[in-house]
C-alpha atoms as a PDB file:
ATOM      1  CA  MET A   1      60.554  13.846  93.273  1.00  0.00           C
ATOM      2  CA  LYS A   2      57.424  15.570  94.292  1.00  0.00           C
ATOM      3  CA  PRO A   3      56.618  16.761  90.674  1.00  0.00           C
ATOM      4  CA  THR A   4      57.194  13.046  89.272  1.00  0.00           C
ATOM      5  CA  PHE A   5      54.695  11.908  91.912  1.00  0.00           C
ATOM      6  CA  GLU A   6      52.267  14.044  90.675  1.00  0.00           C
ATOM      7  CA  ALA A   7      52.663  13.002  87.191  1.00  0.00           C
ATOM      8  CA  SER A   8      52.673   9.752  87.701  1.00  0.00           C
ATOM      9  CA  ALA A   9      49.130  10.622  89.479  1.00  0.00           C
ATOM     10  CA  THR A  10      48.150  12.441  86.686  1.00  0.00           C
ATOM     11  CA  THR A  11      48.927   9.498  84.128  1.00  0.00           C
ATOM     12  CA  THR A  12      47.175   7.348  86.426  1.00  0.00           C
ATOM     13  CA  SER A  13      43.787   9.244  86.826  1.00  0.00           C
ATOM     14  CA  SER A  14      44.258  10.290  83.223  1.00  0.00           C
ATOM     15  CA  ALA A  15      44.247   6.283  82.618  1.00  0.00           C
ATOM     16  CA  ALA A  16      41.054   5.742  85.041  1.00  0.00           C
ATOM     17  CA  VAL A  17      39.068   8.405  83.010  1.00  0.00           C
ATOM     18  CA  THR A  18      39.856   6.882  79.701  1.00  0.00           C
ATOM     19  CA  GLU A  19      38.749   3.062  81.174  1.00  0.00           C
ATOM     20  CA  ALA A  20      35.882   4.841  82.670  1.00  0.00           C
ATOM     21  CA  LYS A  21      34.866   6.356  79.127  1.00  0.00           C
ATOM     22  CA  LYS A  22      35.418   2.470  77.349  1.00  0.00           C
ATOM     23  CA  GLN A  23      33.581   1.222  79.856  1.00  0.00           C
ATOM     24  CA  HIS A  24      30.255   3.478  79.277  1.00  0.00           C
ATOM     25  CA  ASP A  25      30.819   3.241  75.406  1.00  0.00           C
ATOM     26  CA  ARG A  26      30.375  -0.394  75.563  1.00  0.00           C
ATOM     27  CA  ALA A  27      27.142   0.105  77.862  1.00  0.00           C
ATOM     28  CA  THR A  28      26.174   2.616  75.292  1.00  0.00           C
ATOM     29  CA  THR A  29      25.996   0.512  72.315  1.00  0.00           C
ATOM     30  CA  GLY A  30      24.220  -2.713  74.628  1.00  0.00           C
ATOM     31  CA  GLU A  31      21.635   0.206  75.058  1.00  0.00           C
ATOM     32  CA  LEU A  32      21.693   0.951  71.449  1.00  0.00           C
ATOM     33  CA  VAL A  33      21.041  -2.589  70.492  1.00  0.00           C
ATOM     34  CA  ILE A  34      18.332  -3.051  72.951  1.00  0.00           C
ATOM     35  CA  GLN A  35      16.615   0.348  71.920  1.00  0.00           C
ATOM     36  CA  GLY A  36      17.031  -0.819  68.506  1.00  0.00           C
ATOM     37  CA  VAL A  37      15.180  -3.909  68.907  1.00  0.00           C
ATOM     38  CA  SER A  38      12.471  -2.797  71.133  1.00  0.00           C
ATOM     39  CA  THR A  39      11.792  -0.033  68.483  1.00  0.00           C
ATOM     40  CA  ALA A  40      11.622  -3.040  65.588  1.00  0.00           C
ATOM     41  CA  VAL A  41       9.131  -4.810  67.886  1.00  0.00           C
ATOM     42  CA  ALA A  42       6.814  -1.691  68.261  1.00  0.00           C
ATOM     43  CA  ALA A  43       6.780  -0.797  64.845  1.00  0.00           C
ATOM     44  CA  SER A  44       5.443  -4.325  64.096  1.00  0.00           C
ATOM     45  CA  VAL A  45       2.704  -4.477  66.172  1.00  0.00           C
ATOM     46  CA  ILE A  46       1.570  -1.038  64.916  1.00  0.00           C
ATOM     47  CA  ILE A  47       2.157  -2.112  61.398  1.00  0.00           C
ATOM     48  CA  LYS A  48      -0.354  -5.334  62.332  1.00  0.00           C
ATOM     49  CA  THR A  49      -2.818  -3.573  64.443  1.00  0.00           C
ATOM     50  CA  GLY A  50      -2.897  -0.154  61.869  1.00  0.00           C
ATOM     51  CA  GLN A  51      -3.574  -3.224  58.926  1.00  0.00           C
ATOM     52  CA  GLY A  52      -6.140  -4.327  60.619  1.00  0.00           C
ATOM     53  CA  ILE A  53      -7.959  -0.908  61.288  1.00  0.00           C
ATOM     54  CA  VAL A  54      -7.483   0.049  57.663  1.00  0.00           C
ATOM     55  CA  GLY A  55      -8.953  -2.964  56.580  1.00  0.00           C
ATOM     56  CA  SER A  56     -12.174  -2.531  58.499  1.00  0.00           C
ATOM     57  CA  LEU A  57     -12.211   0.790  57.130  1.00  0.00           C
ATOM     58  CA  ALA A  58     -11.767  -0.504  53.425  1.00  0.00           C
ATOM     59  CA  ARG A  59     -14.869  -2.688  54.039  1.00  0.00           C
ATOM     60  CA  SER A  60     -17.094   0.324  55.189  1.00  0.00           C
ATOM     61  CA  PRO A  61     -17.144   3.231  53.425  1.00  0.00           C
ATOM     62  CA  LEU A  62     -19.220   5.186  55.920  1.00  0.00           C
ATOM     63  CA  LEU A  63     -16.932   4.435  58.163  1.00  0.00           C
ATOM     64  CA  LEU A  64     -13.916   5.113  56.577  1.00  0.00           C
ATOM     65  CA  PHE A  65     -16.407   8.555  55.558  1.00  0.00           C
ATOM     66  CA  GLY A  66     -16.660   8.738  59.676  1.00  0.00           C
ATOM     67  CA  VAL A  67     -13.037   8.647  60.435  1.00  0.00           C
ATOM     68  CA  GLY A  68     -12.354  11.759  57.851  1.00  0.00           C
ATOM     69  CA  VAL A  69     -14.916  13.874  59.211  1.00  0.00           C
ATOM     70  CA  VAL A  70     -13.502  13.162  62.503  1.00  0.00           C
ATOM     71  CA  ALA A  71     -10.252  13.913  61.385  1.00  0.00           C
ATOM     72  CA  GLY A  72     -11.141  17.265  59.428  1.00  0.00           C
ATOM     73  CA  TYR A  73     -12.877  18.699  62.475  1.00  0.00           C
ATOM     74  CA  PHE A  74      -9.821  17.850  64.852  1.00  0.00           C
ATOM     75  CA  THR A  75      -7.262  19.390  62.617  1.00  0.00           C
ATOM     76  CA  HIS A  76      -9.369  21.965  61.993  1.00  0.00           C
ATOM     77  CA  LYS A  77     -10.168  22.897  65.717  1.00  0.00           C
ATOM     78  CA  TYR A  78      -6.485  22.436  66.727  1.00  0.00           C
ATOM     79  CA  ARG A  79      -5.167  24.393  64.194  1.00  0.00           C
ATOM     80  CA  LYS A  80      -3.031  26.940  65.749  1.00  0.00           C
ATOM     81  CA  GLU A  81      -1.463  24.344  68.259  1.00  0.00           C
ATOM     82  CA  ILE A  82      -0.429  22.115  65.176  1.00  0.00           C
ATOM     83  CA  ILE A  83       1.070  25.189  63.295  1.00  0.00           C
ATOM     84  CA  THR A  84       2.655  26.103  66.536  1.00  0.00           C
ATOM     85  CA  ILE A  85       4.074  22.552  67.100  1.00  0.00           C
ATOM     86  CA  THR A  86       5.187  22.540  63.650  1.00  0.00           C
ATOM     87  CA  SER A  87       7.153  25.661  63.733  1.00  0.00           C
ATOM     88  CA  LYS A  88       8.884  25.151  66.818  1.00  0.00           C
ATOM     89  CA  THR A  89      10.276  21.547  65.746  1.00  0.00           C
ATOM     90  CA  ALA A  90      11.168  23.386  62.581  1.00  0.00           C
ATOM     91  CA  GLU A  91      13.266  25.732  64.525  1.00  0.00           C
ATOM     92  CA  GLN A  92      14.576  22.622  67.026  1.00  0.00           C
ATOM     93  CA  GLY A  93      15.378  20.685  63.739  1.00  0.00           C
ATOM     94  CA  LYS A  94      17.485  23.886  61.824  1.00  0.00           C
ATOM     95  CA  ASP A  95      19.265  24.265  65.234  1.00  0.00           C
ATOM     96  CA  PHE A  96      20.287  20.363  65.924  1.00  0.00           C
ATOM     97  CA  ILE A  97      22.059  20.912  62.556  1.00  0.00           C
ATOM     98  CA  VAL A  98      23.783  23.695  63.219  1.00  0.00           C
ATOM     99  CA  ARG A  99      24.848  22.165  66.721  1.00  0.00           C
ATOM    100  CA  GLN A 100      25.846  18.508  64.403  1.00  0.00           C
ATOM    101  CA  LYS A 101      28.085  21.012  62.085  1.00  0.00           C
ATOM    102  CA  GLU A 102      29.632  22.855  64.890  1.00  0.00           C
ATOM    103  CA  HIS A 103      30.532  19.429  66.446  1.00  0.00           C
ATOM    104  CA  VAL A 104      32.108  18.373  62.941  1.00  0.00           C
ATOM    105  CA  GLN A 105      34.100  21.273  62.662  1.00  0.00           C
ATOM    106  CA  GLU A 106      35.475  21.071  66.206  1.00  0.00           C
ATOM    107  CA  MET A 107      35.867  17.508  65.777  1.00  0.00           C
ATOM    108  CA  LEU A 108      38.265  18.079  62.095  1.00  0.00           C
ATOM    109  CA  ALA A 109      40.097  20.985  64.223  1.00  0.00           C
ATOM    110  CA  GLN A 110      40.817  18.863  67.049  1.00  0.00           C
ATOM    111  CA  SER A 111      41.937  15.499  64.679  1.00  0.00           C
ATOM    112  CA  GLN A 112      44.303  18.028  62.529  1.00  0.00           C
ATOM    113  CA  GLU A 113      45.712  19.587  65.705  1.00  0.00           C
ATOM    114  CA  ASP A 114      46.464  15.833  66.914  1.00  0.00           C
ATOM    115  CA  GLU A 115      47.771  14.814  63.385  1.00  0.00           C
ATOM    116  CA  ALA A 116      50.238  18.104  63.484  1.00  0.00           C
ATOM    117  CA  GLU A 117      51.534  17.412  66.976  1.00  0.00           C
ATOM    118  CA  ALA A 118      51.770  13.577  65.885  1.00  0.00           C
ATOM    119  CA  SER A 119      54.147  14.354  63.014  1.00  0.00           C
ATOM    120  CA  ASP A 120      56.122  17.437  65.250  1.00  0.00           C
END
């Protein structure tokens, strides 16, 4: 009798874990929607602000030249930091892609195992 009790307890806890994962996925979906809306609003504000700034620069060539000089100065001053950050970002991007490929391969292997178990 005791093994039967343990099996049913395991099944119950497994069901509880599955339900918890479903609730987490629903919350994540809602959060993704909110994040998408907030990103769209932020992008809209940035575009509108940028249009005003670009319009001002287009009307004043001297101001445009000054902004170019300042941008060039700071780019030259911080060129080593910019190169370092760019290199690190490129490496992180490559690592991310490799991890994603591994995850996809693991998911495919798991899916094939599940199909093999289901067909047996």
